[in-house]
Amino acid sequence: GPFLLPNNIKEGDYIELGQLGAYGLTFRTKFNGFYSDHIVQVNDAPI
């Protein structure tokens, strides 16, 4: 990073990370068994 976020962020909170349309899906692996193929369409503006 650094990734700038509110100081009170804690376990269970969600974060959106942007600018991943390029190479985000392309570089995924299944290392350690961690892999998600949950893809959705969203209509709000990018960060």
All heavy atoms as atom14 arrays in JSON, in Angstrom:
{
  "sequence": "GPFLLPNNIKEGDYIELGQLGAYGLTFRTKFNGFYSDHIVQVNDAPI",
  "atom14_mask": [
    [1, 1, 1, 1, 0, 0, 0, 0, 0, 0, 0, 0, 0, 0],
    [1, 1, 1, 1, 1, 1, 1, 0, 0, 0, 0, 0, 0, 0],
    [1, 1, 1, 1, 1, 1, 1, 1, 1, 1, 1, 0, 0, 0],
    [1, 1, 1, 1, 1, 1, 1, 1, 0, 0, 0, 0, 0, 0],
    [1, 1, 1, 1, 1, 1, 1, 1, 0, 0, 0, 0, 0, 0],
    [1, 1, 1, 1, 1, 1, 1, 0, 0, 0, 0, 0, 0, 0],
    [1, 1, 1, 1, 1, 1, 1, 1, 0, 0, 0, 0, 0, 0],
    [1, 1, 1, 1, 1, 1, 1, 1, 0, 0, 0, 0, 0, 0],
    [1, 1, 1, 1, 1, 1, 1, 1, 0, 0, 0, 0, 0, 0],
    [1, 1, 1, 1, 1, 1, 1, 1, 1, 0, 0, 0, 0, 0],
    [1, 1, 1, 1, 1, 1, 1, 1, 1, 0, 0, 0, 0, 0],
    [1, 1, 1, 1, 0, 0, 0, 0, 0, 0, 0, 0, 0, 0],
    [1, 1, 1, 1, 1, 1, 1, 1, 0, 0, 0, 0, 0, 0],
    [1, 1, 1, 1, 1, 1, 1, 1, 1, 1, 1, 1, 0, 0],
    [1, 1, 1, 1, 1, 1, 1, 1, 0, 0, 0, 0, 0, 0],
    [1, 1, 1, 1, 1, 1, 1, 1, 1, 0, 0, 0, 0, 0],
    [1, 1, 1, 1, 1, 1, 1, 1, 0, 0, 0, 0, 0, 0],
    [1, 1, 1, 1, 0, 0, 0, 0, 0, 0, 0, 0, 0, 0],
    [1, 1, 1, 1, 1, 1, 1, 1, 1, 0, 0, 0, 0, 0],
    [1, 1, 1, 1, 1, 1, 1, 1, 0, 0, 0, 0, 0, 0],
    [1, 1, 1, 1, 0, 0, 0, 0, 0, 0, 0, 0, 0, 0],
    [1, 1, 1, 1, 1, 0, 0, 0, 0, 0, 0, 0, 0, 0],
    [1, 1, 1, 1, 1, 1, 1, 1, 1, 1, 1, 1, 0, 0],
    [1, 1, 1, 1, 0, 0, 0, 0, 0, 0, 0, 0, 0, 0],
    [1, 1, 1, 1, 1, 1, 1, 1, 0, 0, 0, 0, 0, 0],
    [1, 1, 1, 1, 1, 1, 1, 0, 0, 0, 0, 0, 0, 0],
    [1, 1, 1, 1, 1, 1, 1, 1, 1, 1, 1, 0, 0, 0],
    [1, 1, 1, 1, 1, 1, 1, 1, 1, 1, 1, 0, 0, 0],
    [1, 1, 1, 1, 1, 1, 1, 0, 0, 0, 0, 0, 0, 0],
    [1, 1, 1, 1, 1, 1, 1, 1, 1, 0, 0, 0, 0, 0],
    [1, 1, 1, 1, 1, 1, 1, 1, 1, 1, 1, 0, 0, 0],
    [1, 1, 1, 1, 1, 1, 1, 1, 0, 0, 0, 0, 0, 0],
    [1, 1, 1, 1, 0, 0, 0, 0, 0, 0, 0, 0, 0, 0],
    [1, 1, 1, 1, 1, 1, 1, 1, 1, 1, 1, 0, 0, 0],
    [1, 1, 1, 1, 1, 1, 1, 1, 1, 1, 1, 1, 0, 0],
    [1, 1, 1, 1, 1, 1, 0, 0, 0, 0, 0, 0, 0, 0],
    [1, 1, 1, 1, 1, 1, 1, 1, 0, 0, 0, 0, 0, 0],
    [1, 1, 1, 1, 1, 1, 1, 1, 1, 1, 0, 0, 0, 0],
    [1, 1, 1, 1, 1, 1, 1, 1, 0, 0, 0, 0, 0, 0],
    [1, 1, 1, 1, 1, 1, 1, 0, 0, 0, 0, 0, 0, 0],
    [1, 1, 1, 1, 1, 1, 1, 1, 1, 0, 0, 0, 0, 0],
    [1, 1, 1, 1, 1, 1, 1, 0, 0, 0, 0, 0, 0, 0],
    [1, 1, 1, 1, 1, 1, 1, 1, 0, 0, 0, 0, 0, 0],
    [1, 1, 1, 1, 1, 1, 1, 1, 0, 0, 0, 0, 0, 0],
    [1, 1, 1, 1, 1, 0, 0, 0, 0, 0, 0, 0, 0, 0],
    [1, 1, 1, 1, 1, 1, 1, 0, 0, 0, 0, 0, 0, 0],
    [1, 1, 1, 1, 1, 1, 1, 1, 0, 0, 0, 0, 0, 0]
  ],
  "atom14_positions": [
    [[0.82, -1.21, 0.0], [0.0, 0.0, 0.0], [0.85, 1.26, 0.0], [1.86, 1.34, -0.7], [0.0, 0.0, 0.0], [0.0, 0.0, 0.0], [0.0, 0.0, 0.0], [0.0, 0.0, 0.0], [0.0, 0.0, 0.0], [0.0, 0.0, 0.0], [0.0, 0.0, 0.0], [0.0, 0.0, 0.0], [0.0, 0.0, 0.0], [0.0, 0.0, 0.0]],
    [[0.52, 2.28, 0.8], [-0.5, 2.27, 1.85], [-1.92, 2.4, 1.31], [-2.15, 3.06, 0.3], [-0.13, 3.51, 2.68], [0.48, 4.44, 1.68], [1.23, 3.57, 0.72], [0.0, 0.0, 0.0], [0.0, 0.0, 0.0], [0.0, 0.0, 0.0], [0.0, 0.0, 0.0], [0.0, 0.0, 0.0], [0.0, 0.0, 0.0], [0.0, 0.0, 0.0]],
    [[-2.86, 1.77, 2.02], [-4.27, 1.86, 1.69], [-4.94, 2.7, 2.79], [-4.92, 2.33, 3.96], [-4.89, 0.47, 1.62], [-4.22, -0.41, 0.6], [-3.22, -1.31, 0.98], [-4.55, -0.33, -0.75], [-2.59, -2.11, 0.04], [-3.92, -1.13, -1.69], [-2.94, -2.01, -1.3], [0.0, 0.0, 0.0], [0.0, 0.0, 0.0], [0.0, 0.0, 0.0]],
    [[-5.5, 3.83, 2.39], [-6.05, 4.78, 3.35], [-7.52, 4.47, 3.62], [-8.35, 4.51, 2.71], [-5.9, 6.2, 2.81], [-4.46, 6.63, 2.46], [-4.45, 8.05, 1.91], [-3.56, 6.51, 3.68], [0.0, 0.0, 0.0], [0.0, 0.0, 0.0], [0.0, 0.0, 0.0], [0.0, 0.0, 0.0], [0.0, 0.0, 0.0], [0.0, 0.0, 0.0]],
    [[-7.81, 4.17, 4.89], [-9.16, 3.77, 5.28], [-9.51, 4.34, 6.66], [-8.62, 4.73, 7.42], [-9.24, 2.24, 5.33], [-9.13, 1.52, 3.97], [-8.78, 0.05, 4.17], [-10.43, 1.67, 3.18], [0.0, 0.0, 0.0], [0.0, 0.0, 0.0], [0.0, 0.0, 0.0], [0.0, 0.0, 0.0], [0.0, 0.0, 0.0], [0.0, 0.0, 0.0]],
    [[-10.81, 4.39, 6.99], [-11.2, 4.88, 8.32], [-10.52, 4.06, 9.43], [-10.4, 2.84, 9.33], [-12.72, 4.68, 8.33], [-13.11, 4.77, 6.89], [-11.98, 4.13, 6.13], [0.0, 0.0, 0.0], [0.0, 0.0, 0.0], [0.0, 0.0, 0.0], [0.0, 0.0, 0.0], [0.0, 0.0, 0.0], [0.0, 0.0, 0.0], [0.0, 0.0, 0.0]],
    [[-10.13, 4.76, 10.48], [-9.35, 4.13, 11.54], [-10.11, 3.05, 12.31], [-9.5, 2.16, 12.91], [-8.88, 5.22, 12.52], [-7.99, 4.66, 13.61], [-6.93, 4.11, 13.32], [-8.41, 4.78, 14.85], [0.0, 0.0, 0.0], [0.0, 0.0, 0.0], [0.0, 0.0, 0.0], [0.0, 0.0, 0.0], [0.0, 0.0, 0.0], [0.0, 0.0, 0.0]],
    [[-11.45, 3.1, 12.28], [-12.22, 2.14, 13.09], [-12.57, 0.86, 12.32], [-13.41, 0.09, 12.76], [-13.49, 2.78, 13.64], [-14.49, 3.16, 12.54], [-14.08, 3.43, 11.4], [-15.77, 3.18, 12.87], [0.0, 0.0, 0.0], [0.0, 0.0, 0.0], [0.0, 0.0, 0.0], [0.0, 0.0, 0.0], [0.0, 0.0, 0.0], [0.0, 0.0, 0.0]],
    [[-11.93, 0.62, 11.21], [-12.21, -0.6, 10.46], [-11.78, -1.81, 11.28], [-10.78, -1.77, 12.0], [-11.51, -0.56, 9.08], [-12.12, -1.59, 8.14], [-10.0, -0.73, 9.2], [-11.79, -1.36, 6.67], [0.0, 0.0, 0.0], [0.0, 0.0, 0.0], [0.0, 0.0, 0.0], [0.0, 0.0, 0.0], [0.0, 0.0, 0.0], [0.0, 0.0, 0.0]],
    [[-12.57, -2.88, 11.2], [-12.3, -4.05, 12.05], [-12.7, -5.33, 11.34], [-13.22, -5.31, 10.21], [-13.07, -3.92, 13.36], [-14.58, -3.83, 13.21], [-15.25, -3.64, 14.55], [-16.77, -3.52, 14.42], [-17.41, -4.73, 13.86], [0.0, 0.0, 0.0], [0.0, 0.0, 0.0], [0.0, 0.0, 0.0], [0.0, 0.0, 0.0], [0.0, 0.0, 0.0]],
    [[-12.46, -6.45, 12.02], [-12.84, -7.76, 11.49], [-14.32, -7.78, 11.12], [-15.16, -7.29, 11.86], [-12.56, -8.85, 12.52], [-12.96, -10.25, 12.06], [-12.85, -11.29, 13.16], [-12.26, -10.99, 14.22], [-13.37, -12.4, 12.96], [0.0, 0.0, 0.0], [0.0, 0.0, 0.0], [0.0, 0.0, 0.0], [0.0, 0.0, 0.0], [0.0, 0.0, 0.0]],
    [[-14.61, -8.34, 9.95], [-15.98, -8.42, 9.49], [-16.39, -7.28, 8.58], [-17.41, -7.38, 7.89], [0.0, 0.0, 0.0], [0.0, 0.0, 0.0], [0.0, 0.0, 0.0], [0.0, 0.0, 0.0], [0.0, 0.0, 0.0], [0.0, 0.0, 0.0], [0.0, 0.0, 0.0], [0.0, 0.0, 0.0], [0.0, 0.0, 0.0], [0.0, 0.0, 0.0]],
    [[-15.61, -6.19, 8.55], [-15.91, -5.08, 7.65], [-15.52, -5.44, 6.21], [-14.66, -6.3, 5.97], [-15.16, -3.82, 8.07], [-15.79, -3.16, 9.28], [-16.99, -3.38, 9.52], [-15.07, -2.42, 10.0], [0.0, 0.0, 0.0], [0.0, 0.0, 0.0], [0.0, 0.0, 0.0], [0.0, 0.0, 0.0], [0.0, 0.0, 0.0], [0.0, 0.0, 0.0]],
    [[-16.13, -4.74, 5.27], [-15.87, -4.97, 3.84], [-15.17, -3.76, 3.23], [-15.44, -2.61, 3.6], [-17.17, -5.24, 3.09], [-17.83, -6.54, 3.46], [-18.79, -6.6, 4.48], [-17.5, -7.73, 2.8], [-19.39, -7.8, 4.82], [-18.11, -8.94, 3.13], [-19.05, -8.96, 4.15], [-19.65, -10.15, 4.48], [0.0, 0.0, 0.0], [0.0, 0.0, 0.0]],
    [[-14.28, -4.04, 2.3], [-13.54, -3.01, 1.58], [-13.69, -3.26, 0.08], [-13.64, -4.41, -0.37], [-12.03, -3.06, 1.94], [-11.82, -2.87, 3.43], [-11.25, -2.02, 1.14], [-10.41, -3.22, 3.9], [0.0, 0.0, 0.0], [0.0, 0.0, 0.0], [0.0, 0.0, 0.0], [0.0, 0.0, 0.0], [0.0, 0.0, 0.0], [0.0, 0.0, 0.0]],
    [[-13.87, -2.19, -0.68], [-13.82, -2.3, -2.13], [-12.47, -1.8, -2.62], [-12.02, -0.72, -2.22], [-14.92, -1.49, -2.81], [-14.89, -1.64, -4.33], [-15.84, -0.72, -5.08], [-16.31, 0.27, -4.49], [-16.07, -0.98, -6.27], [0.0, 0.0, 0.0], [0.0, 0.0, 0.0], [0.0, 0.0, 0.0], [0.0, 0.0, 0.0], [0.0, 0.0, 0.0]],
    [[-11.82, -2.58, -3.46], [-10.55, -2.22, -4.08], [-10.77, -2.06, -5.58], [-11.27, -2.97, -6.24], [-9.5, -3.28, -3.79], [-9.16, -3.45, -2.3], [-8.36, -4.72, -2.06], [-8.42, -2.24, -1.78], [0.0, 0.0, 0.0], [0.0, 0.0, 0.0], [0.0, 0.0, 0.0], [0.0, 0.0, 0.0], [0.0, 0.0, 0.0], [0.0, 0.0, 0.0]],
    [[-10.4, -0.9, -6.11], [-10.72, -0.57, -7.49], [-9.59, -0.77, -8.48], [-8.49, -1.22, -8.13], [0.0, 0.0, 0.0], [0.0, 0.0, 0.0], [0.0, 0.0, 0.0], [0.0, 0.0, 0.0], [0.0, 0.0, 0.0], [0.0, 0.0, 0.0], [0.0, 0.0, 0.0], [0.0, 0.0, 0.0], [0.0, 0.0, 0.0], [0.0, 0.0, 0.0]],
    [[-9.86, -0.43, -9.74], [-8.93, -0.51, -10.87], [-8.44, -1.94, -11.1], [-7.28, -2.15, -11.46], [-7.73, 0.43, -10.65], [-8.08, 1.87, -10.33], [-9.04, 2.53, -11.29], [-10.24, 2.32, -11.21], [-8.52, 3.32, -12.22], [0.0, 0.0, 0.0], [0.0, 0.0, 0.0], [0.0, 0.0, 0.0], [0.0, 0.0, 0.0], [0.0, 0.0, 0.0]],
    [[-9.31, -2.9, -10.93], [-8.93, -4.31, -11.11], [-9.53, -4.94, -12.35], [-9.46, -6.15, -12.53], [-9.32, -5.11, -9.85], [-8.51, -4.77, -8.6], [-9.11, -5.4, -7.37], [-7.06, -5.22, -8.78], [0.0, 0.0, 0.0], [0.0, 0.0, 0.0], [0.0, 0.0, 0.0], [0.0, 0.0, 0.0], [0.0, 0.0, 0.0], [0.0, 0.0, 0.0]],
    [[-10.09, -4.11, -13.22], [-10.59, -4.64, -14.49], [-9.47, -5.14, -15.38], [-9.68, -5.99, -16.24], [0.0, 0.0, 0.0], [0.0, 0.0, 0.0], [0.0, 0.0, 0.0], [0.0, 0.0, 0.0], [0.0, 0.0, 0.0], [0.0, 0.0, 0.0], [0.0, 0.0, 0.0], [0.0, 0.0, 0.0], [0.0, 0.0, 0.0], [0.0, 0.0, 0.0]],
    [[-8.28, -4.59, -15.18], [-7.1, -5.02, -15.94], [-6.28, -5.98, -15.1], [-5.77, -5.6, -14.04], [-6.26, -3.81, -16.34], [0.0, 0.0, 0.0], [0.0, 0.0, 0.0], [0.0, 0.0, 0.0], [0.0, 0.0, 0.0], [0.0, 0.0, 0.0], [0.0, 0.0, 0.0], [0.0, 0.0, 0.0], [0.0, 0.0, 0.0], [0.0, 0.0, 0.0]],
    [[-6.19, -7.2, -15.54], [-5.34, -8.25, -14.97], [-5.83, -8.82, -13.64], [-5.25, -9.8, -13.15], [-3.89, -7.77, -14.85], [-3.32, -7.32, -16.16], [-3.15, -5.96, -16.45], [-3.02, -8.24, -17.16], [-2.67, -5.54, -17.68], [-2.54, -7.82, -18.4], [-2.37, -6.47, -18.65], [-1.9, -6.06, -19.88], [0.0, 0.0, 0.0], [0.0, 0.0, 0.0]],
    [[-6.87, -8.27, -13.05], [-7.38, -8.81, -11.8], [-7.84, -10.25, -11.94], [-7.4, -11.14, -11.22], [0.0, 0.0, 0.0], [0.0, 0.0, 0.0], [0.0, 0.0, 0.0], [0.0, 0.0, 0.0], [0.0, 0.0, 0.0], [0.0, 0.0, 0.0], [0.0, 0.0, 0.0], [0.0, 0.0, 0.0], [0.0, 0.0, 0.0], [0.0, 0.0, 0.0]],
    [[-8.74, -10.49, -12.89], [-9.22, -11.85, -13.14], [-8.14, -12.71, -13.79], [-8.03, -13.91, -13.52], [-10.47, -11.83, -14.02], [-11.75, -11.25, -13.41], [-12.89, -11.31, -14.42], [-12.14, -11.99, -12.14], [0.0, 0.0, 0.0], [0.0, 0.0, 0.0], [0.0, 0.0, 0.0], [0.0, 0.0, 0.0], [0.0, 0.0, 0.0], [0.0, 0.0, 0.0]],
    [[-7.33, -12.11, -14.63], [-6.35, -12.85, -15.42], [-5.31, -13.57, -14.57], [-4.91, -14.69, -14.87], [-5.62, -11.89, -16.39], [-6.59, -11.15, -17.12], [-4.74, -12.64, -17.35], [0.0, 0.0, 0.0], [0.0, 0.0, 0.0], [0.0, 0.0, 0.0], [0.0, 0.0, 0.0], [0.0, 0.0, 0.0], [0.0, 0.0, 0.0], [0.0, 0.0, 0.0]],
    [[-4.85, -12.93, -13.5], [-3.73, -13.45, -12.72], [-4.15, -14.36, -11.56], [-3.31, -14.79, -10.78], [-2.9, -12.29, -12.17], [-2.06, -11.59, -13.21], [-1.59, -10.3, -12.99], [-1.75, -12.21, -14.4], [-0.8, -9.65, -13.94], [-0.98, -11.57, -15.36], [-0.5, -10.3, -15.13], [0.0, 0.0, 0.0], [0.0, 0.0, 0.0], [0.0, 0.0, 0.0]],
    [[-5.42, -14.66, -11.42], [-5.85, -15.49, -10.29], [-5.25, -16.89, -10.36], [-5.08, -17.46, -11.43], [-7.38, -15.62, -10.28], [-8.12, -14.37, -9.89], [-9.62, -14.61, -9.97], [-10.04, -15.0, -11.3], [-11.23, -15.49, -11.6], [-12.13, -15.67, -10.65], [-11.53, -15.81, -12.85], [0.0, 0.0, 0.0], [0.0, 0.0, 0.0], [0.0, 0.0, 0.0]],
    [[-4.97, -17.43, -9.19], [-4.54, -18.82, -9.07], [-5.44, -19.53, -8.05], [-6.29, -18.88, -7.41], [-3.08, -18.94, -8.6], [-3.02, -18.65, -7.19], [-2.17, -17.97, -9.35], [0.0, 0.0, 0.0], [0.0, 0.0, 0.0], [0.0, 0.0, 0.0], [0.0, 0.0, 0.0], [0.0, 0.0, 0.0], [0.0, 0.0, 0.0], [0.0, 0.0, 0.0]],
    [[-5.2, -20.82, -7.87], [-5.94, -21.58, -6.84], [-5.0, -22.03, -5.72], [-5.24, -23.02, -5.04], [-6.63, -22.78, -7.48], [-7.73, -22.37, -8.47], [-8.49, -23.57, -9.02], [-9.59, -23.1, -9.97], [-10.37, -24.22, -10.52], [0.0, 0.0, 0.0], [0.0, 0.0, 0.0], [0.0, 0.0, 0.0], [0.0, 0.0, 0.0], [0.0, 0.0, 0.0]],
    [[-3.94, -21.26, -5.52], [-2.95, -21.58, -4.49], [-3.61, -21.67, -3.12], [-4.4, -20.8, -2.74], [-1.85, -20.52, -4.51], [-0.8, -20.71, -3.46], [-0.07, -21.88, -3.39], [-0.53, -19.71, -2.53], [0.91, -22.06, -2.43], [0.45, -19.88, -1.56], [1.16, -21.07, -1.52], [0.0, 0.0, 0.0], [0.0, 0.0, 0.0], [0.0, 0.0, 0.0]],
    [[-3.27, -22.71, -2.37], [-3.8, -22.95, -1.02], [-5.3, -23.24, -1.02], [-5.92, -23.28, 0.03], [-3.55, -21.74, -0.11], [-2.33, -21.91, 0.79], [-2.01, -21.01, 1.55], [-1.65, -23.04, 0.72], [0.0, 0.0, 0.0], [0.0, 0.0, 0.0], [0.0, 0.0, 0.0], [0.0, 0.0, 0.0], [0.0, 0.0, 0.0], [0.0, 0.0, 0.0]],
    [[-5.9, -23.36, -2.2], [-7.34, -23.6, -2.26], [-8.19, -22.35, -2.15], [-9.42, -22.43, -2.11], [0.0, 0.0, 0.0], [0.0, 0.0, 0.0], [0.0, 0.0, 0.0], [0.0, 0.0, 0.0], [0.0, 0.0, 0.0], [0.0, 0.0, 0.0], [0.0, 0.0, 0.0], [0.0, 0.0, 0.0], [0.0, 0.0, 0.0], [0.0, 0.0, 0.0]],
    [[-7.54, -21.18, -2.12], [-8.29, -19.92, -2.06], [-8.59, -19.45, -3.47], [-7.69, -19.09, -4.23], [-7.5, -18.85, -1.3], [-7.36, -19.14, 0.17], [-6.16, -19.63, 0.68], [-8.42, -18.94, 1.04], [-6.01, -19.89, 2.03], [-8.29, -19.2, 2.39], [-7.09, -19.69, 2.89], [0.0, 0.0, 0.0], [0.0, 0.0, 0.0], [0.0, 0.0, 0.0]],
    [[-9.86, -19.46, -3.82], [-10.25, -19.05, -5.17], [-11.73, -18.7, -5.15], [-12.56, -19.46, -4.64], [-10.0, -20.17, -6.17], [-10.34, -19.82, -7.61], [-9.45, -19.12, -8.4], [-11.56, -20.2, -8.17], [-9.75, -18.8, -9.71], [-11.87, -19.89, -9.48], [-10.97, -19.19, -10.25], [-11.27, -18.87, -11.55], [0.0, 0.0, 0.0], [0.0, 0.0, 0.0]],
    [[-12.06, -17.56, -5.71], [-13.46, -17.17, -5.81], [-13.77, -16.8, -7.25], [-13.02, -16.05, -7.89], [-13.75, -15.97, -4.91], [-15.08, -15.51, -5.1], [0.0, 0.0, 0.0], [0.0, 0.0, 0.0], [0.0, 0.0, 0.0], [0.0, 0.0, 0.0], [0.0, 0.0, 0.0], [0.0, 0.0, 0.0], [0.0, 0.0, 0.0], [0.0, 0.0, 0.0]],
    [[-14.86, -17.33, -7.75], [-15.3, -17.0, -9.11], [-16.68, -16.34, -9.07], [-17.46, -16.46, -10.0], [-15.34, -18.27, -9.97], [-15.24, -17.94, -11.46], [-14.61, -16.93, -11.8], [-15.78, -18.71, -12.28], [0.0, 0.0, 0.0], [0.0, 0.0, 0.0], [0.0, 0.0, 0.0], [0.0, 0.0, 0.0], [0.0, 0.0, 0.0], [0.0, 0.0, 0.0]],
    [[-16.94, -15.66, -7.96], [-18.21, -14.96, -7.8], [-18.1, -13.59, -8.47], [-17.42, -12.7, -7.97], [-18.57, -14.81, -6.33], [-20.0, -14.43, -6.1], [-20.6, -14.46, -4.86], [-20.97, -14.02, -6.96], [-21.86, -14.09, -4.97], [-22.11, -13.81, -6.24], [0.0, 0.0, 0.0], [0.0, 0.0, 0.0], [0.0, 0.0, 0.0], [0.0, 0.0, 0.0]],
    [[-18.74, -13.44, -9.61], [-18.65, -12.22, -10.41], [-20.05, -11.64, -10.58], [-20.99, -12.36, -10.93], [-18.02, -12.52, -11.79], [-16.63, -13.13, -11.61], [-17.94, -11.25, -12.63], [-15.99, -13.6, -12.91], [0.0, 0.0, 0.0], [0.0, 0.0, 0.0], [0.0, 0.0, 0.0], [0.0, 0.0, 0.0], [0.0, 0.0, 0.0], [0.0, 0.0, 0.0]],
    [[-20.18, -10.34, -10.32], [-21.48, -9.68, -10.42], [-21.36, -8.41, -11.24], [-20.25, -7.89, -11.46], [-22.04, -9.34, -9.02], [-22.17, -10.59, -8.16], [-21.18, -8.29, -8.32], [0.0, 0.0, 0.0], [0.0, 0.0, 0.0], [0.0, 0.0, 0.0], [0.0, 0.0, 0.0], [0.0, 0.0, 0.0], [0.0, 0.0, 0.0], [0.0, 0.0, 0.0]],
    [[-22.5, -7.92, -11.69], [-22.56, -6.65, -12.39], [-23.05, -5.59, -11.41], [-23.99, -5.8, -10.64], [-23.52, -6.73, -13.58], [-23.68, -5.42, -14.35], [-24.65, -5.54, -15.51], [-24.85, -6.63, -16.04], [-25.27, -4.43, -15.9], [0.0, 0.0, 0.0], [0.0, 0.0, 0.0], [0.0, 0.0, 0.0], [0.0, 0.0, 0.0], [0.0, 0.0, 0.0]],
    [[-22.4, -4.42, -11.45], [-22.81, -3.33, -10.57], [-22.88, -2.04, -11.39], [-22.13, -1.87, -12.36], [-21.83, -3.19, -9.38], [-20.45, -2.78, -9.85], [-22.36, -2.23, -8.33], [0.0, 0.0, 0.0], [0.0, 0.0, 0.0], [0.0, 0.0, 0.0], [0.0, 0.0, 0.0], [0.0, 0.0, 0.0], [0.0, 0.0, 0.0], [0.0, 0.0, 0.0]],
    [[-23.79, -1.15, -11.01], [-24.06, 0.02, -11.84], [-23.63, 1.35, -11.23], [-23.93, 2.41, -11.78], [-25.55, 0.08, -12.18], [-25.99, -1.09, -13.04], [-25.27, -1.51, -13.94], [-27.17, -1.63, -12.77], [0.0, 0.0, 0.0], [0.0, 0.0, 0.0], [0.0, 0.0, 0.0], [0.0, 0.0, 0.0], [0.0, 0.0, 0.0], [0.0, 0.0, 0.0]],
    [[-22.92, 1.31, -10.09], [-22.46, 2.58, -9.53], [-21.15, 3.0, -10.2], [-20.59, 2.28, -11.03], [-22.31, 2.48, -8.01], [-21.33, 1.4, -7.57], [-20.8, 0.68, -8.45], [-21.09, 1.27, -6.35], [0.0, 0.0, 0.0], [0.0, 0.0, 0.0], [0.0, 0.0, 0.0], [0.0, 0.0, 0.0], [0.0, 0.0, 0.0], [0.0, 0.0, 0.0]],
    [[-20.68, 4.18, -9.84], [-19.45, 4.71, -10.44], [-18.23, 4.04, -9.83], [-18.25, 3.6, -8.68], [-19.37, 6.22, -10.21], [0.0, 0.0, 0.0], [0.0, 0.0, 0.0], [0.0, 0.0, 0.0], [0.0, 0.0, 0.0], [0.0, 0.0, 0.0], [0.0, 0.0, 0.0], [0.0, 0.0, 0.0], [0.0, 0.0, 0.0], [0.0, 0.0, 0.0]],
    [[-17.15, 3.95, -10.59], [-15.9, 3.41, -10.02], [-15.31, 4.38, -9.01], [-15.71, 5.55, -8.95], [-15.0, 3.27, -11.24], [-15.47, 4.34, -12.17], [-16.97, 4.41, -11.97], [0.0, 0.0, 0.0], [0.0, 0.0, 0.0], [0.0, 0.0, 0.0], [0.0, 0.0, 0.0], [0.0, 0.0, 0.0], [0.0, 0.0, 0.0], [0.0, 0.0, 0.0]],
    [[-14.36, 3.9, -8.24], [-13.74, 4.76, -7.23], [-12.98, 5.91, -7.9], [-13.06, 7.06, -7.47], [-12.8, 3.95, -6.33], [-13.56, 2.8, -5.65], [-12.18, 4.85, -5.26], [-12.69, 1.87, -4.82], [0.0, 0.0, 0.0], [0.0, 0.0, 0.0], [0.0, 0.0, 0.0], [0.0, 0.0, 0.0], [0.0, 0.0, 0.0], [0.0, 0.0, 0.0]]
  ]
}
